[in-house]
Protein backbone atom coordinates (compact mmCIF):
# COMPACT_ATOMS: atom_id res chain seq x y z
CA UNK A 1 115.74 8.12 -29.03
CA UNK A 2 115.74 11.73 -30.18
CA UNK A 3 113.09 13.05 -32.64
CA UNK A 4 115.78 13.75 -35.24
CA UNK A 5 117.09 10.20 -35.00
CA UNK A 6 113.59 8.71 -35.30
CA UNK A 7 112.88 10.90 -38.31
CA UNK A 8 116.01 9.71 -40.05
CA UNK A 9 115.43 6.03 -39.27
CA UNK A 10 111.80 6.01 -40.38
CA UNK A 11 112.67 6.35 -44.07
CA UNK A 12 116.28 5.28 -43.95
CA UNK A 13 117.65 8.73 -44.82
CA UNK A 14 119.23 11.46 -42.71
CA UNK A 15 117.68 14.48 -41.08
CA UNK A 16 119.76 17.49 -42.10
CA UNK A 17 120.23 20.90 -40.53
CA UNK A 18 120.61 23.62 -43.16
CA UNK A 19 122.24 26.92 -42.25
CA UNK A 20 122.28 29.47 -45.09
CA UNK A 21 125.08 31.95 -44.46
CA UNK A 22 126.40 35.11 -46.06
CA UNK A 23 129.15 36.91 -44.16
CA UNK A 24 128.19 35.39 -40.80
CA UNK A 25 131.70 34.96 -39.38
CA UNK A 26 130.68 36.61 -36.08
CA UNK A 27 128.06 33.97 -35.28
CA UNK A 28 128.41 30.87 -37.46
CA UNK A 29 130.95 29.10 -35.25
CA UNK A 30 128.76 29.37 -32.16
CA UNK A 31 125.63 28.32 -34.09
CA UNK A 32 127.32 25.19 -35.46
CA UNK A 33 128.86 24.18 -32.13
CA UNK A 34 125.52 24.61 -30.35
CA UNK A 35 123.73 22.53 -32.95
CA UNK A 36 126.33 19.76 -32.78
CA UNK A 37 126.09 19.68 -29.00
CA UNK A 38 122.30 19.80 -28.73
CA UNK A 39 121.39 17.70 -31.80
CA UNK A 40 124.33 15.34 -32.34
CA UNK A 41 122.48 13.02 -34.74
CA UNK A 42 121.82 15.79 -37.26
CA UNK A 43 123.98 16.22 -40.32
CA UNK A 44 124.90 19.92 -40.49
CA UNK A 45 125.28 21.69 -43.84
CA UNK A 46 126.31 25.33 -43.95
CA UNK A 47 125.30 26.82 -47.31
CA UNK A 48 127.80 29.58 -48.00
CA UNK A 49 126.45 32.15 -50.45
CA UNK A 50 129.85 33.46 -51.58
CA UNK A 51 130.82 35.11 -48.30
CA UNK A 52 133.80 37.45 -48.43
CA UNK A 53 134.69 37.05 -44.75
CA UNK A 54 135.83 33.97 -42.77
CA UNK A 55 132.44 32.25 -42.65
CA UNK A 56 133.64 29.12 -44.48
CA UNK A 57 136.78 28.56 -42.41
CA UNK A 58 134.99 29.17 -39.11
CA UNK A 59 132.08 26.86 -40.00
CA UNK A 60 134.44 24.07 -41.03
CA UNK A 61 136.51 24.49 -37.88
CA UNK A 62 133.31 24.20 -35.81
CA UNK A 63 132.55 20.85 -37.44
CA UNK A 64 130.03 21.63 -40.20
CA UNK A 65 130.07 20.47 -43.78
CA UNK A 66 130.22 23.57 -45.96
CA UNK A 67 128.64 23.82 -49.39
CA UNK A 68 130.19 26.72 -51.31
CA UNK A 69 127.81 28.11 -53.91
CA UNK A 70 129.50 29.02 -57.21
CA UNK A 71 127.83 32.45 -57.33
CA UNK A 72 125.77 34.65 -55.04
CA UNK A 73 122.20 33.28 -55.30
CA UNK A 74 120.48 35.11 -52.47
CA UNK A 75 118.55 33.51 -49.64
CA UNK A 76 115.96 31.64 -51.70
CA UNK A 77 118.49 30.14 -54.11
CA UNK A 78 120.69 29.19 -51.19
CA UNK A 79 117.88 27.38 -49.38
CA UNK A 80 116.67 25.62 -52.54
CA UNK A 81 120.18 24.32 -53.11
CA UNK A 82 120.11 22.82 -49.63
CA UNK A 83 116.66 21.30 -50.08
CA UNK A 84 117.68 19.74 -53.37
CA UNK A 85 120.82 18.26 -51.86
CA UNK A 86 118.89 16.78 -48.94
CA UNK A 87 116.23 15.35 -51.24
CA UNK A 88 118.77 13.81 -53.61
CA UNK A 89 120.72 12.22 -50.74
CA UNK A 90 117.49 10.54 -49.62
CA UNK A 91 116.94 12.77 -46.61
CA UNK A 92 113.62 12.40 -44.80
CA UNK A 93 113.54 15.85 -43.19
CA UNK A 94 115.41 19.13 -43.09
CA UNK A 95 115.51 21.96 -40.58
CA UNK A 96 116.55 25.46 -41.52
CA UNK A 97 117.94 27.97 -39.06
CA UNK A 98 119.64 31.30 -39.68
CA UNK A 99 123.38 31.70 -39.32
CA UNK A 100 123.15 34.82 -37.15
CA UNK A 101 122.24 33.01 -33.92
CA UNK A 102 118.65 34.22 -33.57
CA UNK A 103 117.26 30.68 -33.72
CA UNK A 104 118.10 28.49 -30.74
CA UNK A 105 119.15 24.94 -31.78
CA UNK A 106 117.62 23.70 -28.50
CA UNK A 107 114.21 24.16 -30.15
CA UNK A 108 115.01 21.94 -33.15
CA UNK A 109 113.83 18.66 -31.52
CA UNK A 110 110.45 20.24 -30.77
CA UNK A 111 109.93 21.16 -34.43
CA UNK A 112 110.92 17.66 -35.56
CA UNK A 113 108.67 16.08 -32.93
CA UNK A 114 105.67 18.06 -34.22
CA UNK A 115 106.61 17.22 -37.83
CA UNK A 116 106.63 13.50 -37.06
CA UNK A 117 103.57 13.51 -34.78
CA UNK A 118 101.22 15.43 -37.10
CA UNK A 119 102.34 14.20 -40.50
CA UNK A 120 102.21 17.77 -41.79
CA UNK A 121 104.68 18.93 -44.42
CA UNK A 122 106.18 21.91 -42.59
CA UNK A 123 106.54 23.14 -39.01
CA UNK A 124 107.35 26.80 -38.34
CA UNK A 125 109.07 28.05 -35.21
CA UNK A 126 107.31 31.28 -34.22
CA UNK A 127 108.07 33.78 -31.50
CA UNK A 128 106.37 32.98 -28.19
CA UNK A 129 103.55 35.37 -27.35
CA UNK A 130 104.86 38.11 -25.12
CA UNK A 131 108.50 37.26 -25.84
CA UNK A 132 110.46 40.48 -25.36
CA UNK A 133 113.92 38.90 -25.51
CA UNK A 134 114.55 40.56 -28.86
CA UNK A 135 113.19 43.73 -30.35
CA UNK A 136 111.38 43.73 -33.68
CA UNK A 137 111.86 46.83 -35.78
CA UNK A 138 108.92 48.94 -36.87
CA UNK A 139 109.32 47.91 -40.51
CA UNK A 140 109.16 44.21 -39.69
CA UNK A 141 106.20 44.68 -37.35
CA UNK A 142 104.28 46.47 -40.10
CA UNK A 143 105.28 43.82 -42.63
CA UNK A 144 104.21 40.96 -40.36
CA UNK A 145 100.84 42.59 -39.64
CA UNK A 146 100.21 43.31 -43.34
CA UNK A 147 101.04 39.83 -44.56
CA UNK A 148 99.12 38.16 -41.71
CA UNK A 149 96.00 39.96 -42.94
CA UNK A 150 96.77 39.14 -46.57
CA UNK A 151 97.44 35.45 -45.98
CA UNK A 152 94.54 34.61 -43.69
CA UNK A 153 91.84 34.38 -46.42
CA UNK A 154 94.28 32.66 -48.78
CA UNK A 155 95.34 30.00 -46.29
CA UNK A 156 92.04 29.79 -44.45
CA UNK A 157 93.77 30.12 -41.09
CA UNK A 158 95.73 32.52 -38.93
CA UNK A 159 99.52 32.69 -39.29
CA UNK A 160 101.49 33.94 -36.29
CA UNK A 161 104.65 35.04 -38.10
CA UNK A 162 104.78 34.56 -41.88
CA UNK A 163 108.36 35.90 -41.97
CA UNK A 164 109.92 33.25 -39.69
CA UNK A 165 112.89 31.42 -41.20
CA UNK A 166 112.99 28.71 -38.51
CA UNK A 167 111.30 25.78 -40.26
CA UNK A 168 111.34 21.99 -40.50
CA UNK A 169 110.06 20.18 -43.61
CA UNK A 170 109.46 16.54 -44.47
CA UNK A 171 110.34 14.62 -47.63
CA UNK A 172 107.13 15.53 -49.46
CA UNK A 173 107.91 19.23 -49.03
CA UNK A 174 111.57 18.61 -49.93
CA UNK A 175 110.48 17.12 -53.26
CA UNK A 176 108.43 20.22 -54.12
CA UNK A 177 110.89 22.80 -52.84
CA UNK A 178 113.84 21.13 -54.55
CA UNK A 179 112.12 21.79 -57.88
CA UNK A 180 110.70 25.26 -57.29
CA UNK A 181 111.35 27.79 -54.54
CA UNK A 182 110.96 31.58 -54.22
CA UNK A 183 114.29 33.30 -54.80
CA UNK A 184 114.03 36.32 -52.49
CA UNK A 185 112.35 36.63 -49.08
CA UNK A 186 110.90 33.12 -49.56
CA UNK A 187 109.14 32.56 -46.23
CA UNK A 188 105.81 34.20 -47.12
CA UNK A 189 105.53 32.85 -50.67
CA UNK A 190 106.35 29.37 -49.38
CA UNK A 191 103.10 29.31 -47.39
CA UNK A 192 101.09 29.92 -50.57
CA UNK A 193 103.06 27.20 -52.36
CA UNK A 194 102.09 24.80 -49.56
CA UNK A 195 98.44 25.79 -49.92
CA UNK A 196 98.59 25.21 -53.67
CA UNK A 197 99.80 21.67 -53.04
CA UNK A 198 97.19 21.07 -50.33
CA UNK A 199 100.04 20.62 -47.86
CA UNK A 200 99.67 21.41 -44.17
CA UNK A 201 101.83 23.38 -41.78
CA UNK A 202 101.95 23.68 -38.00
CA UNK A 203 103.45 26.29 -35.68
CA UNK A 204 105.59 25.74 -32.59
CA UNK A 205 106.37 28.59 -30.17
CA UNK A 206 110.12 29.21 -29.79
CA UNK A 207 112.18 31.81 -27.98
CA UNK A 208 114.13 34.04 -30.33
CA UNK A 209 117.51 35.48 -29.39
CA UNK A 210 119.33 38.68 -30.32
CA UNK A 211 121.64 38.51 -33.32
CA UNK A 212 125.18 37.50 -32.49
CA UNK A 213 126.44 39.59 -35.39
CA UNK A 214 125.61 41.02 -38.79
CA UNK A 215 122.63 43.07 -39.88
CA UNK A 216 119.19 42.34 -41.30
CA UNK A 217 118.93 42.43 -45.09
CA UNK A 218 115.54 44.16 -44.75
CA UNK A 219 116.72 47.71 -44.16
CA UNK A 220 114.57 50.81 -44.25
CA UNK A 221 115.79 51.45 -47.79
CA UNK A 222 114.80 47.99 -49.00
CA UNK A 223 111.51 47.75 -47.11
CA UNK A 224 109.36 49.04 -49.98
CA UNK A 225 111.07 46.65 -52.40
CA UNK A 226 110.49 43.82 -49.92
CA UNK A 227 106.74 44.48 -49.65
CA UNK A 228 106.22 44.94 -53.40
CA UNK A 229 108.35 41.92 -54.34
CA UNK A 230 106.67 39.57 -51.89
CA UNK A 231 103.20 40.88 -52.74
CA UNK A 232 103.76 40.18 -56.44
CA UNK A 233 105.10 36.73 -55.60
CA UNK A 234 102.03 35.96 -53.48
CA UNK A 235 99.69 37.14 -56.26
CA UNK A 236 101.43 34.93 -58.81
CA UNK A 237 101.09 31.96 -56.50
CA UNK A 238 97.40 32.76 -55.93
CA UNK A 239 96.87 32.64 -59.70
CA UNK A 240 98.61 29.29 -59.79
CA UNK A 241 96.47 28.11 -56.88
CA UNK A 242 93.29 29.09 -58.72
CA UNK A 243 94.56 27.32 -61.84
CA UNK A 244 95.23 24.14 -59.86
CA UNK A 245 91.74 24.24 -58.35
CA UNK A 246 90.17 24.80 -61.79
CA UNK A 247 92.08 21.87 -63.27
CA UNK A 248 91.10 19.71 -60.32
CA UNK A 249 87.40 20.50 -60.86
CA UNK A 250 87.74 19.79 -64.58
CA UNK A 251 89.27 16.40 -63.90
CA UNK A 252 86.68 15.55 -61.26
CA UNK A 253 83.69 16.62 -63.37
CA UNK A 254 81.70 13.68 -64.81
CA UNK A 255 81.86 13.33 -68.56
CA UNK A 256 78.65 13.51 -70.53
């Protein structure tokens, strides 16, 4: 029995594949067909963030269920919508991949296997060491290096790629993320949210692929905004983390 099927049967709810998409008509059909072929037991939800191209029609034709958001929410709002839907339908786990084809659905069972085997709340698919199948731009390389250094003392461990959007989460994480989730560039802030909740995450090496279409939202023009926005988000979550620890010590302290 496949890992995704076991995950769904364990708690009686489905394991759902979430694909946030905004103007991904060039790739979404291939991504959905691959996922259906390689992981047939998964329920596939494409979260359309008000695309103005043929993303919706192509995704539906490929066999996905499409959730059309009423307004453009951005990546974080799009993902939170998916997490909330999965949690409310009783789902036991969810996997998120991008709609541009960079994440290979063949790696999904490995993430779910690690999720089930370790009992951690989130598994991240990270680029294999030495993988040169895709090029990483200078801006992203600098961003990854900066946030790896920033996050290590906060998380108490090394993070290979804090910007990876290839993740699997269990029901405990779904409950938290369905209530609160970073709105923009959520991957890095999510790690601090996990730490605040004393949740654990694991990493699984995966092989990234070139984009099948579209362009990265983190352009040279938006790179400064990206760094500042995420840095502020991380600092806010650190303050919340310190507050949680302080409250925990207060509750644990013996009363005179």
